[in-house]
């Protein structure tokens, strides 16, 4: 038993820490909670790990919860840690971006943030 515990401790010590991580939102453009002077053409979401494009996505809704007709979110093939959501022309107001991400470690994370377009 003692040998097993020693072996398990050694294996845990040499495993890379990143292998156990999930993809969390690192930052976004527009920034989380930002007020922007004009409507953005897209929302860029940057994650802490590469994403699985087929299982990751994002949507946007107005402050009243009404979904905004946006295109499907896509993962940038040149940077798999970035997801882009192209937007239609947004009126002034508050918007909520909801996202879900499956990283290369196959774990799903999700979250949301808001930003405001000020006239």
Protein backbone atom coordinates (compact mmCIF):
# COMPACT_ATOMS: atom_id res chain seq x y z
CA UNK A 1 0.00 0.00 0.00
CA UNK A 2 2.80 2.37 0.88
CA UNK A 3 4.46 1.78 -2.50
CA UNK A 4 1.15 2.52 -4.27
CA UNK A 5 0.77 5.84 -2.45
CA UNK A 6 4.34 6.82 -3.27
CA UNK A 7 3.80 5.94 -6.95
CA UNK A 8 0.52 7.88 -7.07
CA UNK A 9 2.19 10.93 -5.52
CA UNK A 10 5.02 10.80 -8.06
CA UNK A 11 2.61 10.48 -10.99
CA UNK A 12 0.55 13.44 -9.72
CA UNK A 13 3.70 15.52 -9.33
CA UNK A 14 4.79 15.05 -12.96
CA UNK A 15 1.41 15.56 -14.63
CA UNK A 16 1.15 18.98 -16.26
CA UNK A 17 -1.22 21.27 -14.38
CA UNK A 18 -2.84 22.47 -17.62
CA UNK A 19 -4.14 19.00 -18.37
CA UNK A 20 -6.64 19.37 -15.54
CA UNK A 21 -7.82 22.86 -16.47
CA UNK A 22 -11.04 23.85 -18.25
CA UNK A 23 -11.70 26.60 -20.77
CA UNK A 24 -12.82 29.69 -18.90
CA UNK A 25 -13.44 33.13 -20.34
CA UNK A 26 -10.22 35.12 -20.03
CA UNK A 27 -11.48 38.38 -21.56
CA UNK A 28 -13.85 39.70 -24.21
CA UNK A 29 -14.14 42.56 -26.70
CA UNK A 30 -16.25 44.54 -25.88
CA UNK A 31 -15.02 44.03 -22.33
CA UNK A 32 -17.18 42.48 -19.63
CA UNK A 33 -19.37 45.25 -18.20
CA UNK A 34 -18.14 47.83 -20.72
CA UNK A 35 -20.08 50.77 -22.11
CA UNK A 36 -19.16 51.32 -25.75
CA UNK A 37 -19.88 54.50 -27.75
CA UNK A 38 -21.07 52.65 -30.84
CA UNK A 39 -22.45 49.23 -31.67
CA UNK A 40 -19.73 46.61 -32.18
CA UNK A 41 -19.79 44.48 -35.33
CA UNK A 42 -18.77 41.40 -33.37
CA UNK A 43 -18.06 40.05 -29.92
CA UNK A 44 -14.71 38.36 -29.44
CA UNK A 45 -14.36 35.91 -26.56
CA UNK A 46 -10.90 34.75 -25.49
CA UNK A 47 -10.58 31.57 -23.42
CA UNK A 48 -7.89 29.99 -21.27
CA UNK A 49 -7.75 26.80 -23.37
CA UNK A 50 -8.33 25.75 -26.96
CA UNK A 51 -11.98 25.05 -27.79
CA UNK A 52 -13.74 22.23 -29.59
CA UNK A 53 -15.60 24.23 -32.30
CA UNK A 54 -18.45 21.73 -32.76
CA UNK A 55 -19.43 21.95 -29.09
CA UNK A 56 -18.84 25.63 -28.28
CA UNK A 57 -21.02 28.64 -29.00
CA UNK A 58 -22.44 31.98 -27.92
CA UNK A 59 -25.66 33.97 -28.21
CA UNK A 60 -26.66 37.55 -27.49
CA UNK A 61 -29.90 38.93 -26.07
CA UNK A 62 -31.28 42.40 -25.32
CA UNK A 63 -31.79 43.53 -21.73
CA UNK A 64 -35.41 42.29 -21.84
CA UNK A 65 -34.20 38.78 -22.71
CA UNK A 66 -35.26 38.98 -26.36
CA UNK A 67 -32.68 37.08 -28.45
CA UNK A 68 -30.79 39.13 -31.02
CA UNK A 69 -30.62 37.50 -34.45
CA UNK A 70 -26.88 37.00 -34.78
CA UNK A 71 -24.91 34.53 -36.83
CA UNK A 72 -23.56 31.36 -35.29
CA UNK A 73 -20.50 31.85 -33.12
CA UNK A 74 -17.33 30.41 -34.62
CA UNK A 75 -13.97 29.40 -33.23
CA UNK A 76 -11.09 31.10 -35.02
CA UNK A 77 -9.18 28.36 -36.89
CA UNK A 78 -5.93 30.34 -36.43
CA UNK A 79 -6.47 30.77 -32.67
CA UNK A 80 -8.64 28.04 -31.16
CA UNK A 81 -8.74 29.99 -27.89
CA UNK A 82 -10.90 32.69 -29.56
CA UNK A 83 -14.61 32.56 -30.38
CA UNK A 84 -16.24 35.24 -32.55
CA UNK A 85 -19.92 36.16 -32.66
CA UNK A 86 -20.80 38.43 -35.61
CA UNK A 87 -23.57 40.88 -34.79
CA UNK A 88 -26.28 42.72 -36.68
CA UNK A 89 -26.61 46.45 -36.14
CA UNK A 90 -27.40 46.92 -32.44
CA UNK A 91 -29.54 49.74 -31.09
CA UNK A 92 -28.40 51.60 -27.99
CA UNK A 93 -29.09 49.56 -24.87
CA UNK A 94 -27.82 46.73 -22.70
CA UNK A 95 -26.94 43.30 -24.06
CA UNK A 96 -26.15 39.97 -22.47
CA UNK A 97 -23.75 37.51 -24.12
CA UNK A 98 -24.17 33.89 -23.04
CA UNK A 99 -21.48 31.37 -23.95
CA UNK A 100 -20.69 27.71 -23.56
CA UNK A 101 -17.35 26.13 -24.30
CA UNK A 102 -15.99 22.63 -24.51
CA UNK A 103 -12.23 22.61 -24.33
CA UNK A 104 -9.80 20.04 -25.62
CA UNK A 105 -9.99 18.40 -22.18
CA UNK A 106 -13.70 17.66 -23.06
CA UNK A 107 -15.12 19.56 -20.08
CA UNK A 108 -17.97 22.02 -20.61
CA UNK A 109 -18.02 25.46 -19.04
CA UNK A 110 -20.53 28.24 -19.48
CA UNK A 111 -21.17 31.78 -18.45
CA UNK A 112 -22.47 35.17 -19.46
CA UNK A 113 -21.62 38.83 -19.28
CA UNK A 114 -23.22 42.12 -20.25
CA UNK A 115 -22.14 45.25 -22.05
CA UNK A 116 -23.95 48.44 -23.00
CA UNK A 117 -24.11 50.43 -26.22
CA UNK A 118 -24.43 54.09 -25.33
CA UNK A 119 -25.76 56.54 -27.94
